[in-house]
Amino acid sequence: MSDKQELIKKLLEMQKKFIDYDHEKGVEVVDYYVSDESHPLHDFSKKYMALANQLVDVAHEEKGSHR
């Protein structure tokens, strides 16, 4: 599996976990951005954004472009 496909797979898995958690328990803004380490969404937004940025970098590299 290529790097791009692996990143997409990870992002989709994260989205599914987030949606499942939201449907089960609901998500408050504080849960998403500043939850403590014991919370299932701890650092979710940072991790998701880091993977998304990696995907953008891979796409630019493939096309020979830049941000």
N, C-alpha and C. Protein backbone atom coordinates (compact mmCIF):
# COMPACT_ATOMS: atom_id res chain seq x y z
N MET A 1 0.85 -1.17 0.00
CA MET A 1 0.00 0.00 0.00
C MET A 1 0.90 1.24 0.00
N SER A 2 0.55 2.21 -0.82
CA SER A 2 1.38 3.42 -0.90
C SER A 2 1.20 4.28 0.34
N ASP A 3 2.13 5.21 0.52
CA ASP A 3 2.05 6.13 1.65
C ASP A 3 0.72 6.89 1.63
N LYS A 4 0.33 7.35 0.45
CA LYS A 4 -0.91 8.10 0.33
C LYS A 4 -2.11 7.25 0.73
N GLN A 5 -2.16 6.04 0.26
CA GLN A 5 -3.28 5.15 0.60
C GLN A 5 -3.30 4.83 2.09
N GLU A 6 -2.13 4.65 2.68
CA GLU A 6 -2.05 4.37 4.11
C GLU A 6 -2.54 5.56 4.93
N LEU A 7 -2.15 6.76 4.53
CA LEU A 7 -2.61 7.96 5.24
C LEU A 7 -4.13 8.11 5.12
N ILE A 8 -4.66 7.88 3.94
CA ILE A 8 -6.11 7.97 3.73
C ILE A 8 -6.82 6.94 4.61
N LYS A 9 -6.29 5.74 4.66
CA LYS A 9 -6.87 4.68 5.49
C LYS A 9 -6.90 5.10 6.96
N LYS A 10 -5.79 5.66 7.45
CA LYS A 10 -5.72 6.09 8.85
C LYS A 10 -6.72 7.22 9.12
N LEU A 11 -6.82 8.17 8.20
CA LEU A 11 -7.75 9.28 8.37
C LEU A 11 -9.20 8.78 8.41
N LEU A 12 -9.53 7.86 7.53
CA LEU A 12 -10.89 7.31 7.51
C LEU A 12 -11.19 6.53 8.78
N GLU A 13 -10.22 5.79 9.28
CA GLU A 13 -10.40 5.06 10.54
C GLU A 13 -10.64 6.05 11.69
N MET A 14 -9.87 7.12 11.71
CA MET A 14 -10.05 8.12 12.76
C MET A 14 -11.43 8.77 12.66
N GLN A 15 -11.87 9.07 11.43
CA GLN A 15 -13.19 9.66 11.25
C GLN A 15 -14.28 8.74 11.77
N LYS A 16 -14.16 7.45 11.45
CA LYS A 16 -15.16 6.49 11.90
C LYS A 16 -15.20 6.41 13.42
N LYS A 17 -14.04 6.36 14.06
CA LYS A 17 -13.99 6.30 15.53
C LYS A 17 -14.61 7.55 16.14
N PHE A 18 -14.32 8.70 15.54
CA PHE A 18 -14.88 9.96 16.04
C PHE A 18 -16.40 9.96 15.91
N ILE A 19 -16.89 9.58 14.75
CA ILE A 19 -18.34 9.58 14.51
C ILE A 19 -19.03 8.59 15.45
N ASP A 20 -18.45 7.41 15.61
CA ASP A 20 -19.02 6.42 16.53
C ASP A 20 -19.07 6.97 17.95
N TYR A 21 -17.99 7.60 18.39
CA TYR A 21 -17.95 8.18 19.73
C TYR A 21 -18.99 9.28 19.87
N ASP A 22 -19.10 10.13 18.86
CA ASP A 22 -20.06 11.22 18.88
C ASP A 22 -21.49 10.69 18.98
N HIS A 23 -21.81 9.67 18.20
CA HIS A 23 -23.16 9.10 18.23
C HIS A 23 -23.46 8.45 19.58
N GLU A 24 -22.44 7.85 20.17
CA GLU A 24 -22.63 7.14 21.44
C GLU A 24 -22.71 8.08 22.63
N LYS A 25 -21.79 9.05 22.69
CA LYS A 25 -21.69 9.88 23.89
C LYS A 25 -21.82 11.37 23.64
N GLY A 26 -21.73 11.78 22.39
CA GLY A 26 -21.74 13.20 22.08
C GLY A 26 -20.35 13.79 22.27
N VAL A 27 -20.09 14.87 21.58
CA VAL A 27 -18.79 15.52 21.66
C VAL A 27 -18.99 17.00 21.92
N GLU A 28 -18.34 17.48 22.94
CA GLU A 28 -18.31 18.91 23.25
C GLU A 28 -17.03 19.49 22.66
N VAL A 29 -17.03 20.78 22.42
CA VAL A 29 -15.84 21.43 21.87
C VAL A 29 -14.62 21.17 22.74
N VAL A 30 -14.79 21.25 24.04
CA VAL A 30 -13.68 21.02 24.96
C VAL A 30 -13.13 19.60 24.81
N ASP A 31 -14.00 18.62 24.54
CA ASP A 31 -13.55 17.24 24.32
C ASP A 31 -12.64 17.16 23.10
N TYR A 32 -13.00 17.89 22.08
CA TYR A 32 -12.27 17.81 20.82
C TYR A 32 -10.92 18.52 20.88
N TYR A 33 -10.88 19.66 21.54
CA TYR A 33 -9.65 20.46 21.51
C TYR A 33 -8.76 20.36 22.75
N VAL A 34 -9.33 20.21 23.94
CA VAL A 34 -8.50 20.28 25.15
C VAL A 34 -8.84 19.20 26.18
N SER A 35 -9.21 18.04 25.74
CA SER A 35 -9.54 16.97 26.68
C SER A 35 -8.27 16.46 27.37
N ASP A 36 -8.47 15.91 28.56
CA ASP A 36 -7.30 15.39 29.29
C ASP A 36 -6.88 14.03 28.72
N GLU A 37 -5.76 13.55 29.19
CA GLU A 37 -5.15 12.33 28.63
C GLU A 37 -6.02 11.09 28.78
N SER A 38 -6.93 11.09 29.73
CA SER A 38 -7.78 9.91 29.93
C SER A 38 -8.96 9.87 28.95
N HIS A 39 -9.21 10.95 28.26
CA HIS A 39 -10.35 11.04 27.34
C HIS A 39 -9.99 10.38 26.00
N PRO A 40 -10.92 9.62 25.42
CA PRO A 40 -10.65 8.96 24.13
C PRO A 40 -10.29 9.92 22.98
N LEU A 41 -10.70 11.17 23.09
CA LEU A 41 -10.40 12.14 22.03
C LEU A 41 -9.18 13.02 22.33
N HIS A 42 -8.43 12.65 23.35
CA HIS A 42 -7.25 13.44 23.71
C HIS A 42 -6.31 13.57 22.50
N ASP A 43 -5.98 14.79 22.15
CA ASP A 43 -5.09 15.12 21.02
C ASP A 43 -5.62 14.66 19.66
N PHE A 44 -6.90 14.33 19.58
CA PHE A 44 -7.47 13.87 18.32
C PHE A 44 -7.26 14.90 17.22
N SER A 45 -7.62 16.16 17.48
CA SER A 45 -7.53 17.18 16.44
C SER A 45 -6.09 17.38 15.97
N LYS A 46 -5.13 17.32 16.88
CA LYS A 46 -3.72 17.49 16.51
C LYS A 46 -3.23 16.32 15.67
N LYS A 47 -3.59 15.10 16.08
CA LYS A 47 -3.18 13.91 15.33
C LYS A 47 -3.81 13.89 13.95
N TYR A 48 -5.10 14.23 13.88
CA TYR A 48 -5.81 14.22 12.60
C TYR A 48 -5.19 15.26 11.65
N MET A 49 -4.95 16.45 12.17
CA MET A 49 -4.37 17.51 11.34
C MET A 49 -2.98 17.15 10.86
N ALA A 50 -2.19 16.51 11.70
CA ALA A 50 -0.84 16.09 11.30
C ALA A 50 -0.90 15.09 10.16
N LEU A 51 -1.81 14.12 10.24
CA LEU A 51 -1.96 13.14 9.15
C LEU A 51 -2.47 13.81 7.88
N ALA A 52 -3.43 14.71 8.03
CA ALA A 52 -3.96 15.41 6.87
C ALA A 52 -2.87 16.24 6.18
N ASN A 53 -2.03 16.88 6.96
CA ASN A 53 -0.94 17.66 6.37
C ASN A 53 0.08 16.76 5.68
N GLN A 54 0.34 15.58 6.25
CA GLN A 54 1.23 14.62 5.59
C GLN A 54 0.66 14.21 4.24
N LEU A 55 -0.65 14.00 4.20
CA LEU A 55 -1.31 13.62 2.96
C LEU A 55 -1.18 14.72 1.91
N VAL A 56 -1.35 15.96 2.33
CA VAL A 56 -1.19 17.09 1.41
C VAL A 56 0.24 17.13 0.88
N ASP A 57 1.21 16.92 1.74
CA ASP A 57 2.61 16.93 1.32
C ASP A 57 2.90 15.82 0.31
N VAL A 58 2.34 14.63 0.54
CA VAL A 58 2.53 13.52 -0.39
C VAL A 58 1.91 13.85 -1.74
N ALA A 59 0.72 14.43 -1.72
CA ALA A 59 0.05 14.79 -2.97
C ALA A 59 0.85 15.83 -3.75
N HIS A 60 1.39 16.81 -3.04
CA HIS A 60 2.21 17.83 -3.71
C HIS A 60 3.48 17.19 -4.29
N GLU A 61 4.08 16.30 -3.54
CA GLU A 61 5.28 15.62 -4.01
C GLU A 61 5.00 14.83 -5.28
N GLU A 62 3.87 14.14 -5.32
CA GLU A 62 3.50 13.36 -6.51
C GLU A 62 3.34 14.24 -7.74
N LYS A 63 2.78 15.43 -7.54
CA LYS A 63 2.51 16.32 -8.66
C LYS A 63 3.65 17.29 -8.94
N GLY A 64 4.65 17.29 -8.10
CA GLY A 64 5.78 18.18 -8.32
C GLY A 64 5.44 19.63 -8.00
N SER A 65 4.45 19.83 -7.17
CA SER A 65 4.06 21.19 -6.79
C SER A 65 4.45 21.43 -5.33
N HIS A 66 4.06 22.57 -4.81
CA HIS A 66 4.35 22.90 -3.42
C HIS A 66 3.23 23.75 -2.87
N ARG A 67 3.25 23.88 -1.55
CA ARG A 67 2.22 24.70 -0.89
C ARG A 67 2.47 26.16 -1.11
